Amino acid sequence: MKRRTCLKTVLAAGAGAGASLAAGPEHPIQLHVDLAVDPAKEKVMLHNFETIFRPEAAKHQDILMSRC
């Protein structure tokens, strides 16, 4: 197969996949995280989560924080 034909096929497949992802709020992506944190650094991690990560995540309408 020629490179140009292969590239067109890959781009067409990617465009179709992107359209299906943009259409689907009925199946939201869920990310479950279980962190192993050094107990000596737990307070630093919680501080950074509350002061850096959570405010930044709140700026994005698609991110939902369920529990922490």
PDB file of N, CA and C in Angstrom:
ATOM      1  N   MET A   1       0.846  -1.169   0.000  1.00  0.00           N
ATOM      2  CA  MET A   1       0.000   0.000   0.000  1.00  0.00           C
ATOM      3  C   MET A   1       0.891   1.232   0.000  1.00  0.00           C
ATOM      4  N   LYS A   2       0.502   2.220  -0.742  1.00  0.00           N
ATOM      5  CA  LYS A   2       1.298   3.438  -0.806  1.00  0.00           C
ATOM      6  C   LYS A   2       1.117   4.253   0.471  1.00  0.00           C
ATOM      7  N   ARG A   3       2.120   5.011   0.815  1.00  0.00           N
ATOM      8  CA  ARG A   3       2.082   5.813   2.035  1.00  0.00           C
ATOM      9  C   ARG A   3       0.915   6.793   2.044  1.00  0.00           C
ATOM     10  N   ARG A   4       0.693   7.459   0.922  1.00  0.00           N
ATOM     11  CA  ARG A   4      -0.351   8.466   0.858  1.00  0.00           C
ATOM     12  C   ARG A   4      -1.728   7.839   1.108  1.00  0.00           C
ATOM     13  N   THR A   5      -1.966   6.674   0.525  1.00  0.00           N
ATOM     14  CA  THR A   5      -3.240   5.978   0.724  1.00  0.00           C
ATOM     15  C   THR A   5      -3.380   5.542   2.175  1.00  0.00           C
ATOM     16  N   CYS A   6      -2.309   5.056   2.737  1.00  0.00           N
ATOM     17  CA  CYS A   6      -2.325   4.626   4.137  1.00  0.00           C
ATOM     18  C   CYS A   6      -2.599   5.813   5.058  1.00  0.00           C
ATOM     19  N   LEU A   7      -1.967   6.935   4.789  1.00  0.00           N
ATOM     20  CA  LEU A   7      -2.162   8.135   5.596  1.00  0.00           C
ATOM     21  C   LEU A   7      -3.611   8.615   5.519  1.00  0.00           C
ATOM     22  N   LYS A   8      -4.189   8.598   4.321  1.00  0.00           N
ATOM     23  CA  LYS A   8      -5.584   9.007   4.163  1.00  0.00           C
ATOM     24  C   LYS A   8      -6.504   8.090   4.957  1.00  0.00           C
ATOM     25  N   THR A   9      -6.207   6.799   4.947  1.00  0.00           N
ATOM     26  CA  THR A   9      -7.025   5.839   5.686  1.00  0.00           C
ATOM     27  C   THR A   9      -6.934   6.093   7.185  1.00  0.00           C
ATOM     28  N   VAL A  10      -5.740   6.343   7.668  1.00  0.00           N
ATOM     29  CA  VAL A  10      -5.546   6.605   9.096  1.00  0.00           C
ATOM     30  C   VAL A  10      -6.247   7.900   9.501  1.00  0.00           C
ATOM     31  N   LEU A  11      -6.134   8.931   8.693  1.00  0.00           N
ATOM     32  CA  LEU A  11      -6.777  10.202   9.004  1.00  0.00           C
ATOM     33  C   LEU A  11      -8.298  10.075   8.981  1.00  0.00           C
ATOM     34  N   ALA A  12      -8.826   9.330   8.028  1.00  0.00           N
ATOM     35  CA  ALA A  12     -10.273   9.137   7.951  1.00  0.00           C
ATOM     36  C   ALA A  12     -10.772   8.358   9.165  1.00  0.00           C
ATOM     37  N   ALA A  13     -10.033   7.354   9.578  1.00  0.00           N
ATOM     38  CA  ALA A  13     -10.419   6.573  10.755  1.00  0.00           C
ATOM     39  C   ALA A  13     -10.355   7.431  12.014  1.00  0.00           C
ATOM     40  N   GLY A  14      -9.339   8.269  12.117  1.00  0.00           N
ATOM     41  CA  GLY A  14      -9.202   9.156  13.277  1.00  0.00           C
ATOM     42  C   GLY A  14     -10.311  10.191  13.325  1.00  0.00           C
ATOM     43  N   ALA A  15     -10.719  10.717  12.189  1.00  0.00           N
ATOM     44  CA  ALA A  15     -11.802  11.697  12.154  1.00  0.00           C
ATOM     45  C   ALA A  15     -13.109  11.058  12.588  1.00  0.00           C
ATOM     46  N   GLY A  16     -13.344   9.830  12.164  1.00  0.00           N
ATOM     47  CA  GLY A  16     -14.563   9.127  12.569  1.00  0.00           C
ATOM     48  C   GLY A  16     -14.569   8.844  14.049  1.00  0.00           C
ATOM     49  N   ALA A  17     -13.433   8.481  14.595  1.00  0.00           N
ATOM     50  CA  ALA A  17     -13.343   8.200  16.027  1.00  0.00           C
ATOM     51  C   ALA A  17     -13.530   9.481  16.832  1.00  0.00           C
ATOM     52  N   GLY A  18     -12.988  10.583  16.346  1.00  0.00           N
ATOM     53  CA  GLY A  18     -13.146  11.864  17.040  1.00  0.00           C
ATOM     54  C   GLY A  18     -14.589  12.314  17.069  1.00  0.00           C
ATOM     55  N   ALA A  19     -15.314  12.085  15.992  1.00  0.00           N
ATOM     56  CA  ALA A  19     -16.728  12.466  15.943  1.00  0.00           C
ATOM     57  C   ALA A  19     -17.536  11.641  16.937  1.00  0.00           C
ATOM     58  N   SER A  20     -17.228  10.376  17.071  1.00  0.00           N
ATOM     59  CA  SER A  20     -17.985   9.547  18.007  1.00  0.00           C
ATOM     60  C   SER A  20     -17.654   9.911  19.452  1.00  0.00           C
ATOM     61  N   LEU A  21     -16.426  10.340  19.724  1.00  0.00           N
ATOM     62  CA  LEU A  21     -16.070  10.745  21.089  1.00  0.00           C
ATOM     63  C   LEU A  21     -16.743  12.056  21.466  1.00  0.00           C
ATOM     64  N   ALA A  22     -16.846  12.971  20.505  1.00  0.00           N
ATOM     65  CA  ALA A  22     -17.443  14.264  20.796  1.00  0.00           C
ATOM     66  C   ALA A  22     -18.946  14.150  21.025  1.00  0.00           C
ATOM     67  N   ALA A  23     -19.567  13.101  20.537  1.00  0.00           N
ATOM     68  CA  ALA A  23     -21.013  12.979  20.611  1.00  0.00           C
ATOM     69  C   ALA A  23     -21.502  12.277  21.864  1.00  0.00           C
ATOM     70  N   GLY A  24     -20.630  11.753  22.711  1.00  0.00           N
ATOM     71  CA  GLY A  24     -21.079  10.832  23.736  1.00  0.00           C
ATOM     72  C   GLY A  24     -21.050  11.258  25.177  1.00  0.00           C
ATOM     73  N   PRO A  25     -21.862  12.207  25.644  1.00  0.00           N
ATOM     74  CA  PRO A  25     -21.907  12.447  27.083  1.00  0.00           C
ATOM     75  C   PRO A  25     -22.643  11.351  27.837  1.00  0.00           C
ATOM     76  N   GLU A  26     -23.344  10.439  27.120  1.00  0.00           N
ATOM     77  CA  GLU A  26     -24.043   9.355  27.800  1.00  0.00           C
ATOM     78  C   GLU A  26     -23.078   8.309  28.333  1.00  0.00           C
ATOM     79  N   HIS A  27     -21.839   8.314  27.878  1.00  0.00           N
ATOM     80  CA  HIS A  27     -20.810   7.399  28.373  1.00  0.00           C
ATOM     81  C   HIS A  27     -19.571   8.207  28.766  1.00  0.00           C
ATOM     82  N   PRO A  28     -19.634   8.942  29.875  1.00  0.00           N
ATOM     83  CA  PRO A  28     -18.483   9.759  30.244  1.00  0.00           C
ATOM     84  C   PRO A  28     -17.293   8.895  30.657  1.00  0.00           C
ATOM     85  N   ILE A  29     -16.130   9.448  30.503  1.00  0.00           N
ATOM     86  CA  ILE A  29     -14.912   8.759  30.910  1.00  0.00           C
ATOM     87  C   ILE A  29     -14.769   8.892  32.418  1.00  0.00           C
ATOM     88  N   GLN A  30     -14.509   7.780  33.077  1.00  0.00           N
ATOM     89  CA  GLN A  30     -14.289   7.783  34.512  1.00  0.00           C
ATOM     90  C   GLN A  30     -12.853   7.392  34.796  1.00  0.00           C
ATOM     91  N   LEU A  31     -12.213   8.149  35.655  1.00  0.00           N
ATOM     92  CA  LEU A  31     -10.843   7.863  36.040  1.00  0.00           C
ATOM     93  C   LEU A  31     -10.813   7.618  37.540  1.00  0.00           C
ATOM     94  N   HIS A  32     -10.456   6.408  37.916  1.00  0.00           N
ATOM     95  CA  HIS A  32     -10.338   6.044  39.326  1.00  0.00           C
ATOM     96  C   HIS A  32      -8.850   5.947  39.650  1.00  0.00           C
ATOM     97  N   VAL A  33      -8.436   6.661  40.670  1.00  0.00           N
ATOM     98  CA  VAL A  33      -7.013   6.734  40.997  1.00  0.00           C
ATOM     99  C   VAL A  33      -6.807   6.280  42.439  1.00  0.00           C
ATOM    100  N   ASP A  34      -5.869   5.397  42.610  1.00  0.00           N
ATOM    101  CA  ASP A  34      -5.470   4.956  43.943  1.00  0.00           C
ATOM    102  C   ASP A  34      -3.980   5.265  44.057  1.00  0.00           C
ATOM    103  N   LEU A  35      -3.657   6.250  44.855  1.00  0.00           N
ATOM    104  CA  LEU A  35      -2.277   6.706  44.952  1.00  0.00           C
ATOM    105  C   LEU A  35      -1.584   6.096  46.166  1.00  0.00           C
ATOM    106  N   ALA A  36      -0.361   5.697  45.965  1.00  0.00           N
ATOM    107  CA  ALA A  36       0.496   5.263  47.066  1.00  0.00           C
ATOM    108  C   ALA A  36       1.417   6.431  47.388  1.00  0.00           C
ATOM    109  N   VAL A  37       1.166   7.051  48.521  1.00  0.00           N
ATOM    110  CA  VAL A  37       1.913   8.257  48.893  1.00  0.00           C
ATOM    111  C   VAL A  37       2.712   7.968  50.162  1.00  0.00           C
ATOM    112  N   ASP A  38       3.946   8.411  50.130  1.00  0.00           N
ATOM    113  CA  ASP A  38       4.801   8.294  51.309  1.00  0.00           C
ATOM    114  C   ASP A  38       4.138   9.067  52.456  1.00  0.00           C
ATOM    115  N   PRO A  39       3.904   8.417  53.591  1.00  0.00           N
ATOM    116  CA  PRO A  39       3.233   9.106  54.700  1.00  0.00           C
ATOM    117  C   PRO A  39       3.922  10.408  55.117  1.00  0.00           C
ATOM    118  N   ALA A  40       5.217  10.482  54.957  1.00  0.00           N
ATOM    119  CA  ALA A  40       5.935  11.706  55.319  1.00  0.00           C
ATOM    120  C   ALA A  40       5.606  12.858  54.372  1.00  0.00           C
ATOM    121  N   LYS A  41       5.155  12.531  53.155  1.00  0.00           N
ATOM    122  CA  LYS A  41       4.861  13.570  52.162  1.00  0.00           C
ATOM    123  C   LYS A  41       3.358  13.723  51.898  1.00  0.00           C
ATOM    124  N   GLU A  42       2.535  13.070  52.701  1.00  0.00           N
ATOM    125  CA  GLU A  42       1.089  13.110  52.471  1.00  0.00           C
ATOM    126  C   GLU A  42       0.522  14.524  52.605  1.00  0.00           C
ATOM    127  N   LYS A  43       0.951  15.279  53.599  1.00  0.00           N
ATOM    128  CA  LYS A  43       0.443  16.642  53.773  1.00  0.00           C
ATOM    129  C   LYS A  43       0.799  17.532  52.591  1.00  0.00           C
ATOM    130  N   VAL A  44       1.993  17.363  52.043  1.00  0.00           N
ATOM    131  CA  VAL A  44       2.409  18.138  50.871  1.00  0.00           C
ATOM    132  C   VAL A  44       1.538  17.779  49.669  1.00  0.00           C
ATOM    133  N   MET A  45       1.281  16.479  49.488  1.00  0.00           N
ATOM    134  CA  MET A  45       0.456  16.034  48.374  1.00  0.00           C
ATOM    135  C   MET A  45      -0.967  16.586  48.506  1.00  0.00           C
ATOM    136  N   LEU A  46      -1.559  16.521  49.696  1.00  0.00           N
ATOM    137  CA  LEU A  46      -2.906  17.047  49.904  1.00  0.00           C
ATOM    138  C   LEU A  46      -2.958  18.556  49.697  1.00  0.00           C
ATOM    139  N   HIS A  47      -1.931  19.250  50.151  1.00  0.00           N
ATOM    140  CA  HIS A  47      -1.868  20.700  49.943  1.00  0.00           C
ATOM    141  C   HIS A  47      -1.812  21.026  48.455  1.00  0.00           C
ATOM    142  N   ASN A  48      -0.962  20.336  47.727  1.00  0.00           N
ATOM    143  CA  ASN A  48      -0.862  20.583  46.284  1.00  0.00           C
ATOM    144  C   ASN A  48      -2.154  20.221  45.555  1.00  0.00           C
ATOM    145  N   PHE A  49      -2.808  19.173  46.004  1.00  0.00           N
ATOM    146  CA  PHE A  49      -4.079  18.784  45.395  1.00  0.00           C
ATOM    147  C   PHE A  49      -5.115  19.887  45.578  1.00  0.00           C
ATOM    148  N   GLU A  50      -5.219  20.400  46.789  1.00  0.00           N
ATOM    149  CA  GLU A  50      -6.230  21.419  47.081  1.00  0.00           C
ATOM    150  C   GLU A  50      -5.895  22.782  46.482  1.00  0.00           C
ATOM    151  N   THR A  51      -4.626  23.140  46.416  1.00  0.00           N
ATOM    152  CA  THR A  51      -4.261  24.485  45.957  1.00  0.00           C
ATOM    153  C   THR A  51      -3.908  24.568  44.483  1.00  0.00           C
ATOM    154  N   ILE A  52      -3.493  23.453  43.883  1.00  0.00           N
ATOM    155  CA  ILE A  52      -3.084  23.483  42.469  1.00  0.00           C
ATOM    156  C   ILE A  52      -4.062  22.706  41.594  1.00  0.00           C
ATOM    157  N   PHE A  53      -4.249  21.426  41.901  1.00  0.00           N
ATOM    158  CA  PHE A  53      -5.028  20.571  41.009  1.00  0.00           C
ATOM    159  C   PHE A  53      -6.518  20.905  41.022  1.00  0.00           C
ATOM    160  N   ARG A  54      -7.125  20.960  42.199  1.00  0.00           N
ATOM    161  CA  ARG A  54      -8.572  21.174  42.277  1.00  0.00           C
ATOM    162  C   ARG A  54      -8.999  22.500  41.637  1.00  0.00           C
ATOM    163  N   PRO A  55      -8.329  23.628  41.893  1.00  0.00           N
ATOM    164  CA  PRO A  55      -8.731  24.876  41.221  1.00  0.00           C
ATOM    165  C   PRO A  55      -8.587  24.795  39.691  1.00  0.00           C
ATOM    166  N   GLU A  56      -7.550  24.142  39.228  1.00  0.00           N
ATOM    167  CA  GLU A  56      -7.367  24.008  37.777  1.00  0.00           C
ATOM    168  C   GLU A  56      -8.439  23.101  37.185  1.00  0.00           C
ATOM    169  N   ALA A  57      -8.768  22.023  37.854  1.00  0.00           N
ATOM    170  CA  ALA A  57      -9.809  21.114  37.365  1.00  0.00           C
ATOM    171  C   ALA A  57     -11.167  21.805  37.349  1.00  0.00           C
ATOM    172  N   ALA A  58     -11.424  22.690  38.293  1.00  0.00           N
ATOM    173  CA  ALA A  58     -12.708  23.389  38.347  1.00  0.00           C
ATOM    174  C   ALA A  58     -12.902  24.324  37.159  1.00  0.00           C
ATOM    175  N   LYS A  59     -11.828  24.736  36.513  1.00  0.00           N
ATOM    176  CA  LYS A  59     -11.919  25.610  35.343  1.00  0.00           C
ATOM    177  C   LYS A  59     -12.458  24.889  34.121  1.00  0.00           C
ATOM    178  N   HIS A  60     -12.420  23.570  34.123  1.00  0.00           N
ATOM    179  CA  HIS A  60     -12.853  22.775  32.979  1.00  0.00           C
ATOM    180  C   HIS A  60     -14.227  22.199  33.269  1.00  0.00           C
ATOM    181  N   GLN A  61     -15.191  22.513  32.420  1.00  0.00           N
ATOM    182  CA  GLN A  61     -16.572  22.105  32.687  1.00  0.00           C
ATOM    183  C   GLN A  61     -16.785  20.600  32.592  1.00  0.00           C
ATOM    184  N   ASP A  62     -15.934  19.882  31.899  1.00  0.00           N
ATOM    185  CA  ASP A  62     -16.133  18.449  31.715  1.00  0.00           C
ATOM    186  C   ASP A  62     -15.570  17.598  32.852  1.00  0.00           C
ATOM    187  N   ILE A  63     -14.838  18.195  33.763  1.00  0.00           N
ATOM    188  CA  ILE A  63     -14.235  17.432  34.851  1.00  0.00           C
ATOM    189  C   ILE A  63     -15.132  17.533  36.080  1.00  0.00           C
ATOM    190  N   LEU A  64     -15.524  16.385  36.564  1.00  0.00           N
ATOM    191  CA  LEU A  64     -16.362  16.311  37.757  1.00  0.00           C
ATOM    192  C   LEU A  64     -15.555  15.676  38.875  1.00  0.00           C
ATOM    193  N   MET A  65     -15.526  16.319  39.999  1.00  0.00           N
ATOM    194  CA  MET A  65     -14.823  15.775  41.159  1.00  0.00           C
ATOM    195  C   MET A  65     -15.879  15.162  42.075  1.00  0.00           C
ATOM    196  N   SER A  66     -15.856  13.851  42.226  1.00  0.00           N
ATOM    197  CA  SER A  66     -16.892  13.217  43.030  1.00  0.00           C
ATOM    198  C   SER A  66     -16.518  13.157  44.499  1.00  0.00           C
ATOM    199  N   ARG A  67     -15.320  12.719  44.804  1.00  0.00           N
ATOM    200  CA  ARG A  67     -14.888  12.639  46.198  1.00  0.00           C
ATOM    201  C   ARG A  67     -13.376  12.668  46.259  1.00  0.00           C
ATOM    202  N   CYS A  68     -12.886  13.107  47.384  1.00  0.00           N
ATOM    203  CA  CYS A  68     -11.437  13.147  47.566  1.00  0.00           C
ATOM    204  C   CYS A  68     -11.096  12.890  49.003  1.00  0.00           C
TER     205      CYS A  68
END
